[in-house]
Amino acid sequence: MRGRSYKLAVACAGKGEITLSIVLKNTVRQTVKCDGVPLRQRLTASAAKIRIDTEGMPGATGMVAWRLDKADK
């Protein structure tokens, strides 16, 4: 995985918001609305592992899905 580029898509369906954490070399946190619209982001892996974590904000309900694909060169 190290040095490769990936396309990440994360979607939350329900109500409220979640906190999305992406850990490569450093942790990046973003707030994502649970409106079913996917957040798309390109990642370059600088480490051997990519960690993706989500946490519901108070009052949030629903479901989260994510997909990680190799990016075209």
Protein backbone atom coordinates (compact mmCIF):
# COMPACT_ATOMS: atom_id res chain seq x y z
CA MET A 1 0.00 0.00 0.00
CA ARG A 2 2.86 2.40 0.71
CA GLY A 3 3.20 5.10 -1.94
CA ARG A 4 0.03 4.12 -3.83
CA SER A 5 -2.94 6.39 -4.49
CA TYR A 6 -6.50 5.45 -3.60
CA LYS A 7 -10.00 6.87 -4.01
CA LEU A 8 -12.08 6.82 -0.83
CA ALA A 9 -15.86 7.24 -0.86
CA VAL A 10 -17.76 7.49 2.45
CA ALA A 11 -21.52 7.90 2.79
CA CYS A 12 -23.76 8.21 5.83
CA ALA A 13 -27.51 7.69 5.42
CA GLY A 14 -29.86 8.71 8.21
CA LYS A 15 -29.93 11.94 10.20
CA GLY A 16 -27.33 14.03 11.96
CA GLU A 17 -23.59 13.97 11.37
CA ILE A 18 -20.59 11.72 11.94
CA THR A 19 -16.92 12.38 12.51
CA LEU A 20 -14.75 10.61 9.93
CA SER A 21 -11.14 9.90 10.90
CA ILE A 22 -8.57 8.83 8.32
CA VAL A 23 -5.19 7.76 9.67
CA LEU A 24 -2.30 7.59 7.24
CA LYS A 25 0.87 9.16 8.63
CA ASN A 26 -1.22 11.75 10.48
CA THR A 27 -4.88 11.72 11.47
CA VAL A 28 -7.34 13.81 9.45
CA ARG A 29 -10.83 14.34 10.87
CA GLN A 30 -13.85 15.62 8.94
CA THR A 31 -17.52 16.07 9.72
CA VAL A 32 -19.84 14.25 7.31
CA LYS A 33 -23.60 14.87 7.08
CA CYS A 34 -25.86 11.79 7.10
CA ASP A 35 -27.69 12.86 3.96
CA GLY A 36 -26.67 9.92 1.75
CA VAL A 37 -24.34 12.03 -0.40
CA PRO A 38 -20.90 10.38 -0.63
CA LEU A 39 -17.80 12.26 0.40
CA ARG A 40 -15.04 11.50 -2.10
CA GLN A 41 -11.38 11.95 -1.36
CA ARG A 42 -8.09 10.92 -2.96
CA LEU A 43 -5.48 9.46 -0.60
CA THR A 44 -1.81 8.65 -1.04
CA ALA A 45 -0.67 5.98 1.38
CA SER A 46 2.56 7.01 3.08
CA ALA A 47 2.32 4.12 5.53
CA ALA A 48 1.71 0.40 5.19
CA LYS A 49 -1.80 0.74 6.67
CA ILE A 50 -4.75 3.08 6.25
CA ARG A 51 -7.16 3.28 9.18
CA ILE A 52 -10.70 4.56 8.63
CA ASP A 53 -12.95 5.18 11.63
CA THR A 54 -16.30 6.88 12.19
CA GLU A 55 -18.11 8.12 15.27
CA GLY A 56 -21.68 9.37 15.43
CA MET A 57 -22.21 12.85 16.82
CA PRO A 58 -24.90 13.27 19.51
CA GLY A 59 -28.35 12.51 18.09
CA ALA A 60 -27.06 10.92 14.89
CA THR A 61 -28.78 7.77 13.64
CA GLY A 62 -28.28 5.74 10.51
CA MET A 63 -25.70 3.74 8.66
CA VAL A 64 -22.20 4.41 7.28
CA ALA A 65 -20.55 2.74 4.29
CA TRP A 66 -17.15 3.27 2.73
CA ARG A 67 -15.26 2.03 -0.31
CA LEU A 68 -11.54 2.23 -1.05
CA ASP A 69 -10.35 1.73 -4.66
CA LYS A 70 -6.95 1.99 -6.29
CA ALA A 71 -6.72 5.26 -8.17
CA ASP A 72 -5.87 5.28 -11.88
CA LYS A 73 -2.43 6.60 -12.63
